[in-house]
Amino acid sequence: LSGAYLNSLKLAEQHHLRSISFPNISTGVYGYPKKEAAMIAIDTVQGYASTGTDLERVVFVCYDQESYRIYEEILQNKGLIP
């Protein structure tokens, strides 16, 4: 799962994009645990951003309240949102 995010981030850079959006991949019909998937997504993006990037904005698209709350909690715990 981390590889999917990392490859997408690299492609965005190669195409000189300034922003990218990610849906909650693998948490639907594939049944990947939502909290674990969110941690992987956030950790991968955060790690990539720490290496220096031209990306200015990354959006995590949540399709339900449960996913939104999970992302919000993780991002707050990491100090990435108030």
PDB file of N, CA and C in Angstrom:
ATOM      1  N   LEU A   1       0.837  -1.199   0.000  1.00  0.00           N
ATOM      2  CA  LEU A   1       0.000   0.000   0.000  1.00  0.00           C
ATOM      3  C   LEU A   1       0.877   1.257   0.000  1.00  0.00           C
ATOM      4  N   SER A   2       1.927   1.203   0.791  1.00  0.00           N
ATOM      5  CA  SER A   2       2.850   2.329   0.830  1.00  0.00           C
ATOM      6  C   SER A   2       3.447   2.595  -0.548  1.00  0.00           C
ATOM      7  N   GLY A   3       3.761   1.516  -1.269  1.00  0.00           N
ATOM      8  CA  GLY A   3       4.322   1.651  -2.607  1.00  0.00           C
ATOM      9  C   GLY A   3       3.384   2.352  -3.574  1.00  0.00           C
ATOM     10  N   ALA A   4       2.104   2.109  -3.431  1.00  0.00           N
ATOM     11  CA  ALA A   4       1.124   2.762  -4.302  1.00  0.00           C
ATOM     12  C   ALA A   4       1.137   4.279  -4.069  1.00  0.00           C
ATOM     13  N   TYR A   5       1.189   4.673  -2.810  1.00  0.00           N
ATOM     14  CA  TYR A   5       1.259   6.108  -2.513  1.00  0.00           C
ATOM     15  C   TYR A   5       2.576   6.702  -2.987  1.00  0.00           C
ATOM     16  N   LEU A   6       3.663   6.029  -2.695  1.00  0.00           N
ATOM     17  CA  LEU A   6       4.976   6.537  -3.065  1.00  0.00           C
ATOM     18  C   LEU A   6       5.116   6.691  -4.579  1.00  0.00           C
ATOM     19  N   ASN A   7       4.685   5.692  -5.324  1.00  0.00           N
ATOM     20  CA  ASN A   7       4.756   5.781  -6.789  1.00  0.00           C
ATOM     21  C   ASN A   7       3.885   6.911  -7.325  1.00  0.00           C
ATOM     22  N   SER A   8       2.726   7.112  -6.720  1.00  0.00           N
ATOM     23  CA  SER A   8       1.841   8.214  -7.145  1.00  0.00           C
ATOM     24  C   SER A   8       2.494   9.562  -6.865  1.00  0.00           C
ATOM     25  N   LEU A   9       3.117   9.694  -5.718  1.00  0.00           N
ATOM     26  CA  LEU A   9       3.804  10.943  -5.381  1.00  0.00           C
ATOM     27  C   LEU A   9       4.948  11.214  -6.354  1.00  0.00           C
ATOM     28  N   LYS A  10       5.698  10.191  -6.681  1.00  0.00           N
ATOM     29  CA  LYS A  10       6.804  10.351  -7.632  1.00  0.00           C
ATOM     30  C   LYS A  10       6.294  10.747  -9.016  1.00  0.00           C
ATOM     31  N   LEU A  11       5.207  10.123  -9.445  1.00  0.00           N
ATOM     32  CA  LEU A  11       4.615  10.482 -10.741  1.00  0.00           C
ATOM     33  C   LEU A  11       4.121  11.925 -10.737  1.00  0.00           C
ATOM     34  N   ALA A  12       3.525  12.338  -9.651  1.00  0.00           N
ATOM     35  CA  ALA A  12       3.058  13.726  -9.543  1.00  0.00           C
ATOM     36  C   ALA A  12       4.232  14.684  -9.709  1.00  0.00           C
ATOM     37  N   GLU A  13       5.343  14.368  -9.069  1.00  0.00           N
ATOM     38  CA  GLU A  13       6.540  15.200  -9.193  1.00  0.00           C
ATOM     39  C   GLU A  13       7.064  15.214 -10.627  1.00  0.00           C
ATOM     40  N   GLN A  14       7.118  14.053 -11.239  1.00  0.00           N
ATOM     41  CA  GLN A  14       7.619  13.955 -12.612  1.00  0.00           C
ATOM     42  C   GLN A  14       6.790  14.785 -13.579  1.00  0.00           C
ATOM     43  N   HIS A  15       5.507  14.937 -13.274  1.00  0.00           N
ATOM     44  CA  HIS A  15       4.606  15.702 -14.143  1.00  0.00           C
ATOM     45  C   HIS A  15       4.425  17.141 -13.651  1.00  0.00           C
ATOM     46  N   HIS A  16       5.274  17.537 -12.716  1.00  0.00           N
ATOM     47  CA  HIS A  16       5.311  18.909 -12.208  1.00  0.00           C
ATOM     48  C   HIS A  16       3.978  19.359 -11.612  1.00  0.00           C
ATOM     49  N   LEU A  17       3.292  18.427 -10.959  1.00  0.00           N
ATOM     50  CA  LEU A  17       2.038  18.780 -10.301  1.00  0.00           C
ATOM     51  C   LEU A  17       2.346  19.459  -8.965  1.00  0.00           C
ATOM     52  N   ARG A  18       1.439  20.303  -8.527  1.00  0.00           N
ATOM     53  CA  ARG A  18       1.584  20.987  -7.237  1.00  0.00           C
ATOM     54  C   ARG A  18       0.689  20.377  -6.164  1.00  0.00           C
ATOM     55  N   SER A  19      -0.313  19.591  -6.604  1.00  0.00           N
ATOM     56  CA  SER A  19      -1.209  18.965  -5.640  1.00  0.00           C
ATOM     57  C   SER A  19      -1.631  17.584  -6.138  1.00  0.00           C
ATOM     58  N   ILE A  20      -2.068  16.768  -5.183  1.00  0.00           N
ATOM     59  CA  ILE A  20      -2.522  15.416  -5.497  1.00  0.00           C
ATOM     60  C   ILE A  20      -3.567  15.024  -4.459  1.00  0.00           C
ATOM     61  N   SER A  21      -4.525  14.213  -4.870  1.00  0.00           N
ATOM     62  CA  SER A  21      -5.558  13.709  -3.964  1.00  0.00           C
ATOM     63  C   SER A  21      -5.514  12.195  -3.934  1.00  0.00           C
ATOM     64  N   PHE A  22      -5.745  11.647  -2.764  1.00  0.00           N
ATOM     65  CA  PHE A  22      -5.780  10.201  -2.592  1.00  0.00           C
ATOM     66  C   PHE A  22      -7.108   9.783  -1.955  1.00  0.00           C
ATOM     67  N   PRO A  23      -7.784   8.802  -2.538  1.00  0.00           N
ATOM     68  CA  PRO A  23      -8.966   8.239  -1.881  1.00  0.00           C
ATOM     69  C   PRO A  23      -8.515   7.202  -0.849  1.00  0.00           C
ATOM     70  N   ASN A  24      -9.455   6.715  -0.073  1.00  0.00           N
ATOM     71  CA  ASN A  24      -9.152   5.650   0.897  1.00  0.00           C
ATOM     72  C   ASN A  24      -8.976   4.335   0.151  1.00  0.00           C
ATOM     73  N   ILE A  25      -7.843   4.161  -0.525  1.00  0.00           N
ATOM     74  CA  ILE A  25      -7.657   2.953  -1.327  1.00  0.00           C
ATOM     75  C   ILE A  25      -7.490   1.723  -0.450  1.00  0.00           C
ATOM     76  N   SER A  26      -8.004   0.633  -0.944  1.00  0.00           N
ATOM     77  CA  SER A  26      -7.939  -0.704  -0.333  1.00  0.00           C
ATOM     78  C   SER A  26      -8.864  -0.906   0.859  1.00  0.00           C
ATOM     79  N   THR A  27      -9.576   0.127   1.307  1.00  0.00           N
ATOM     80  CA  THR A  27     -10.418  -0.028   2.494  1.00  0.00           C
ATOM     81  C   THR A  27     -11.852  -0.435   2.156  1.00  0.00           C
ATOM     82  N   GLY A  28     -12.180  -0.479   0.888  1.00  0.00           N
ATOM     83  CA  GLY A  28     -13.542  -0.845   0.486  1.00  0.00           C
ATOM     84  C   GLY A  28     -13.684  -2.340   0.314  1.00  0.00           C
ATOM     85  N   VAL A  29     -13.827  -2.786  -0.923  1.00  0.00           N
ATOM     86  CA  VAL A  29     -14.053  -4.204  -1.194  1.00  0.00           C
ATOM     87  C   VAL A  29     -12.869  -5.076  -0.789  1.00  0.00           C
ATOM     88  N   TYR A  30     -11.670  -4.488  -0.712  1.00  0.00           N
ATOM     89  CA  TYR A  30     -10.499  -5.278  -0.319  1.00  0.00           C
ATOM     90  C   TYR A  30     -10.403  -5.438   1.197  1.00  0.00           C
ATOM     91  N   GLY A  31     -11.138  -4.635   1.938  1.00  0.00           N
ATOM     92  CA  GLY A  31     -11.269  -4.813   3.372  1.00  0.00           C
ATOM     93  C   GLY A  31     -10.039  -4.529   4.216  1.00  0.00           C
ATOM     94  N   TYR A  32      -9.096  -3.763   3.688  1.00  0.00           N
ATOM     95  CA  TYR A  32      -7.922  -3.414   4.487  1.00  0.00           C
ATOM     96  C   TYR A  32      -8.387  -2.581   5.669  1.00  0.00           C
ATOM     97  N   PRO A  33      -7.876  -2.810   6.861  1.00  0.00           N
ATOM     98  CA  PRO A  33      -8.318  -2.042   8.036  1.00  0.00           C
ATOM     99  C   PRO A  33      -8.122  -0.533   7.829  1.00  0.00           C
ATOM    100  N   LYS A  34      -9.164   0.236   8.055  1.00  0.00           N
ATOM    101  CA  LYS A  34      -9.144   1.668   7.759  1.00  0.00           C
ATOM    102  C   LYS A  34      -8.059   2.423   8.518  1.00  0.00           C
ATOM    103  N   LYS A  35      -7.909   2.140   9.800  1.00  0.00           N
ATOM    104  CA  LYS A  35      -6.925   2.878  10.586  1.00  0.00           C
ATOM    105  C   LYS A  35      -5.503   2.575  10.119  1.00  0.00           C
ATOM    106  N   GLU A  36      -5.236   1.313   9.840  1.00  0.00           N
ATOM    107  CA  GLU A  36      -3.910   0.936   9.353  1.00  0.00           C
ATOM    108  C   GLU A  36      -3.640   1.560   7.985  1.00  0.00           C
ATOM    109  N   ALA A  37      -4.635   1.552   7.111  1.00  0.00           N
ATOM    110  CA  ALA A  37      -4.479   2.154   5.785  1.00  0.00           C
ATOM    111  C   ALA A  37      -4.220   3.653   5.903  1.00  0.00           C
ATOM    112  N   ALA A  38      -4.920   4.315   6.815  1.00  0.00           N
ATOM    113  CA  ALA A  38      -4.729   5.751   7.013  1.00  0.00           C
ATOM    114  C   ALA A  38      -3.323   6.039   7.532  1.00  0.00           C
ATOM    115  N   MET A  39      -2.851   5.233   8.464  1.00  0.00           N
ATOM    116  CA  MET A  39      -1.494   5.418   8.994  1.00  0.00           C
ATOM    117  C   MET A  39      -0.451   5.260   7.892  1.00  0.00           C
ATOM    118  N   ILE A  40      -0.629   4.259   7.053  1.00  0.00           N
ATOM    119  CA  ILE A  40       0.306   4.034   5.946  1.00  0.00           C
ATOM    120  C   ILE A  40       0.284   5.220   4.991  1.00  0.00           C
ATOM    121  N   ALA A  41      -0.911   5.691   4.654  1.00  0.00           N
ATOM    122  CA  ALA A  41      -1.038   6.822   3.731  1.00  0.00           C
ATOM    123  C   ALA A  41      -0.354   8.061   4.298  1.00  0.00           C
ATOM    124  N   ILE A  42      -0.670   8.387   5.530  1.00  0.00           N
ATOM    125  CA  ILE A  42      -0.125   9.599   6.142  1.00  0.00           C
ATOM    126  C   ILE A  42       1.382   9.479   6.348  1.00  0.00           C
ATOM    127  N   ASP A  43       1.838   8.354   6.858  1.00  0.00           N
ATOM    128  CA  ASP A  43       3.280   8.165   7.082  1.00  0.00           C
ATOM    129  C   ASP A  43       4.071   8.225   5.780  1.00  0.00           C
ATOM    130  N   THR A  44       3.520   7.627   4.719  1.00  0.00           N
ATOM    131  CA  THR A  44       4.212   7.630   3.431  1.00  0.00           C
ATOM    132  C   THR A  44       4.308   9.041   2.865  1.00  0.00           C
ATOM    133  N   VAL A  45       3.204   9.771   2.914  1.00  0.00           N
ATOM    134  CA  VAL A  45       3.205  11.143   2.406  1.00  0.00           C
ATOM    135  C   VAL A  45       4.117  12.018   3.250  1.00  0.00           C
ATOM    136  N   GLN A  46       4.052  11.878   4.558  1.00  0.00           N
ATOM    137  CA  GLN A  46       4.895  12.673   5.447  1.00  0.00           C
ATOM    138  C   GLN A  46       6.381  12.370   5.202  1.00  0.00           C
ATOM    139  N   GLY A  47       6.706  11.096   5.041  1.00  0.00           N
ATOM    140  CA  GLY A  47       8.090  10.720   4.758  1.00  0.00           C
ATOM    141  C   GLY A  47       8.570  11.278   3.437  1.00  0.00           C
ATOM    142  N   TYR A  48       7.713  11.228   2.435  1.00  0.00           N
ATOM    143  CA  TYR A  48       8.075  11.758   1.125  1.00  0.00           C
ATOM    144  C   TYR A  48       8.277  13.270   1.199  1.00  0.00           C
ATOM    145  N   ALA A  49       7.408  13.939   1.909  1.00  0.00           N
ATOM    146  CA  ALA A  49       7.506  15.398   2.027  1.00  0.00           C
ATOM    147  C   ALA A  49       8.784  15.815   2.743  1.00  0.00           C
ATOM    148  N   SER A  50       9.263  14.986   3.643  1.00  0.00           N
ATOM    149  CA  SER A  50      10.463  15.335   4.401  1.00  0.00           C
ATOM    150  C   SER A  50      11.738  15.269   3.564  1.00  0.00           C
ATOM    151  N   THR A  51      11.660  14.657   2.387  1.00  0.00           N
ATOM    152  CA  THR A  51      12.832  14.560   1.520  1.00  0.00           C
ATOM    153  C   THR A  51      12.970  15.763   0.599  1.00  0.00           C
ATOM    154  N   GLY A  52      11.994  16.660   0.650  1.00  0.00           N
ATOM    155  CA  GLY A  52      11.993  17.823  -0.228  1.00  0.00           C
ATOM    156  C   GLY A  52      11.168  17.523  -1.464  1.00  0.00           C
ATOM    157  N   THR A  53      10.173  18.315  -1.689  1.00  0.00           N
ATOM    158  CA  THR A  53       9.258  18.095  -2.801  1.00  0.00           C
ATOM    159  C   THR A  53       8.675  19.418  -3.257  1.00  0.00           C
ATOM    160  N   ASP A  54       8.251  19.474  -4.499  1.00  0.00           N
ATOM    161  CA  ASP A  54       7.573  20.656  -5.017  1.00  0.00           C
ATOM    162  C   ASP A  54       6.061  20.576  -4.787  1.00  0.00           C
ATOM    163  N   LEU A  55       5.583  19.430  -4.319  1.00  0.00           N
ATOM    164  CA  LEU A  55       4.159  19.308  -4.023  1.00  0.00           C
ATOM    165  C   LEU A  55       3.795  20.264  -2.891  1.00  0.00           C
ATOM    166  N   GLU A  56       2.718  20.987  -3.072  1.00  0.00           N
ATOM    167  CA  GLU A  56       2.282  21.958  -2.075  1.00  0.00           C
ATOM    168  C   GLU A  56       1.076  21.477  -1.276  1.00  0.00           C
ATOM    169  N   ARG A  57       0.333  20.545  -1.859  1.00  0.00           N
ATOM    170  CA  ARG A  57      -0.906  20.128  -1.212  1.00  0.00           C
ATOM    171  C   ARG A  57      -1.193  18.662  -1.494  1.00  0.00           C
ATOM    172  N   VAL A  58      -1.531  17.937  -0.437  1.00  0.00           N
ATOM    173  CA  VAL A  58      -1.970  16.551  -0.557  1.00  0.00           C
ATOM    174  C   VAL A  58      -3.322  16.465   0.141  1.00  0.00           C
ATOM    175  N   VAL A  59      -4.309  15.936  -0.577  1.00  0.00           N
ATOM    176  CA  VAL A  59      -5.664  15.823  -0.041  1.00  0.00           C
ATOM    177  C   VAL A  59      -6.005  14.347   0.125  1.00  0.00           C
ATOM    178  N   PHE A  60      -6.479  13.988   1.312  1.00  0.00           N
ATOM    179  CA  PHE A  60      -6.972  12.634   1.555  1.00  0.00           C
ATOM    180  C   PHE A  60      -8.488  12.697   1.461  1.00  0.00           C
ATOM    181  N   VAL A  61      -9.059  11.953   0.524  1.00  0.00           N
ATOM    182  CA  VAL A  61     -10.502  11.957   0.296  1.00  0.00           C
ATOM    183  C   VAL A  61     -11.136  10.830   1.089  1.00  0.00           C
ATOM    184  N   CYS A  62     -12.033  11.200   1.988  1.00  0.00           N
ATOM    185  CA  CYS A  62     -12.714  10.225   2.840  1.00  0.00           C
ATOM    186  C   CYS A  62     -14.161  10.090   2.386  1.00  0.00           C
ATOM    187  N   TYR A  63     -14.595   8.854   2.214  1.00  0.00           N
ATOM    188  CA  TYR A  63     -15.932   8.594   1.696  1.00  0.00           C
ATOM    189  C   TYR A  63     -16.986   8.404   2.772  1.00  0.00           C
ATOM    190  N   ASP A  64     -16.559   8.350   4.030  1.00  0.00           N
ATOM    191  CA  ASP A  64     -17.534   8.191   5.104  1.00  0.00           C
ATOM    192  C   ASP A  64     -17.007   8.862   6.368  1.00  0.00           C
ATOM    193  N   GLN A  65     -17.887   9.077   7.319  1.00  0.00           N
ATOM    194  CA  GLN A  65     -17.530   9.754   8.564  1.00  0.00           C
ATOM    195  C   GLN A  65     -16.478   8.988   9.355  1.00  0.00           C
ATOM    196  N   GLU A  66     -16.577   7.673   9.353  1.00  0.00           N
ATOM    197  CA  GLU A  66     -15.604   6.862  10.090  1.00  0.00           C
ATOM    198  C   GLU A  66     -14.189   7.120   9.582  1.00  0.00           C
ATOM    199  N   SER A  67     -14.012   7.093   8.280  1.00  0.00           N
ATOM    200  CA  SER A  67     -12.693   7.350   7.695  1.00  0.00           C
ATOM    201  C   SER A  67     -12.234   8.772   7.994  1.00  0.00           C
ATOM    202  N   TYR A  68     -13.137   9.712   7.900  1.00  0.00           N
ATOM    203  CA  TYR A  68     -12.795  11.111   8.191  1.00  0.00           C
ATOM    204  C   TYR A  68     -12.277  11.247   9.620  1.00  0.00           C
ATOM    205  N   ARG A  69     -12.980  10.645  10.559  1.00  0.00           N
ATOM    206  CA  ARG A  69     -12.575  10.723  11.966  1.00  0.00           C
ATOM    207  C   ARG A  69     -11.206  10.065  12.184  1.00  0.00           C
ATOM    208  N   ILE A  70     -10.967   8.965  11.500  1.00  0.00           N
ATOM    209  CA  ILE A  70      -9.674   8.283  11.622  1.00  0.00           C
ATOM    210  C   ILE A  70      -8.546   9.178  11.131  1.00  0.00           C
ATOM    211  N   TYR A  71      -8.701   9.749   9.947  1.00  0.00           N
ATOM    212  CA  TYR A  71      -7.670  10.638   9.403  1.00  0.00           C
ATOM    213  C   TYR A  71      -7.487  11.857  10.290  1.00  0.00           C
ATOM    214  N   GLU A  72      -8.587  12.443  10.728  1.00  0.00           N
ATOM    215  CA  GLU A  72      -8.520  13.625  11.574  1.00  0.00           C
ATOM    216  C   GLU A  72      -7.745  13.330  12.862  1.00  0.00           C
ATOM    217  N   GLU A  73      -8.045  12.217  13.491  1.00  0.00           N
ATOM    218  CA  GLU A  73      -7.370  11.839  14.737  1.00  0.00           C
ATOM    219  C   GLU A  73      -5.865  11.640  14.523  1.00  0.00           C
ATOM    220  N   ILE A  74      -5.505  10.916  13.485  1.00  0.00           N
ATOM    221  CA  ILE A  74      -4.090  10.665  13.208  1.00  0.00           C
ATOM    222  C   ILE A  74      -3.356  11.959  12.892  1.00  0.00           C
ATOM    223  N   LEU A  75      -3.946  12.779  12.044  1.00  0.00           N
ATOM    224  CA  LEU A  75      -3.309  14.047  11.670  1.00  0.00           C
ATOM    225  C   LEU A  75      -3.163  14.983  12.871  1.00  0.00           C
ATOM    226  N   GLN A  76      -4.158  14.995  13.766  1.00  0.00           N
ATOM    227  CA  GLN A  76      -4.063  15.810  14.971  1.00  0.00           C
ATOM    228  C   GLN A  76      -2.974  15.271  15.905  1.00  0.00           C
ATOM    229  N   ASN A  77      -2.931  13.962  16.081  1.00  0.00           N
ATOM    230  CA  ASN A  77      -1.914  13.364  16.946  1.00  0.00           C
ATOM    231  C   ASN A  77      -0.500  13.618  16.451  1.00  0.00           C
ATOM    232  N   LYS A  78      -0.348  13.761  15.151  1.00  0.00           N
ATOM    233  CA  LYS A  78       0.969  14.040  14.569  1.00  0.00           C
ATOM    234  C   LYS A  78       1.255  15.537  14.529  1.00  0.00           C
ATOM    235  N   GLY A  79       0.293  16.358  14.947  1.00  0.00           N
ATOM    236  CA  GLY A  79       0.464  17.800  14.942  1.00  0.00           C
ATOM    237  C   GLY A  79       0.399  18.415  13.566  1.00  0.00           C
ATOM    238  N   LEU A  80      -0.219  17.720  12.626  1.00  0.00           N
ATOM    239  CA  LEU A  80      -0.285  18.218  11.243  1.00  0.00           C
ATOM    240  C   LEU A  80      -1.502  19.070  10.975  1.00  0.00           C
ATOM    241  N   ILE A  81      -2.506  18.971  11.859  1.00  0.00           N
ATOM    242  CA  ILE A  81      -3.667  19.858  11.800  1.00  0.00           C
ATOM    243  C   ILE A  81      -4.026  20.231  13.240  1.00  0.00           C
ATOM    244  N   PRO A  82      -4.658  21.392  13.412  1.00  0.00           N
ATOM    245  CA  PRO A  82      -5.020  21.801  14.788  1.00  0.00           C
ATOM    246  C   PRO A  82      -6.129  20.943  15.373  1.00  0.00           C
TER     247      PRO A  82
END
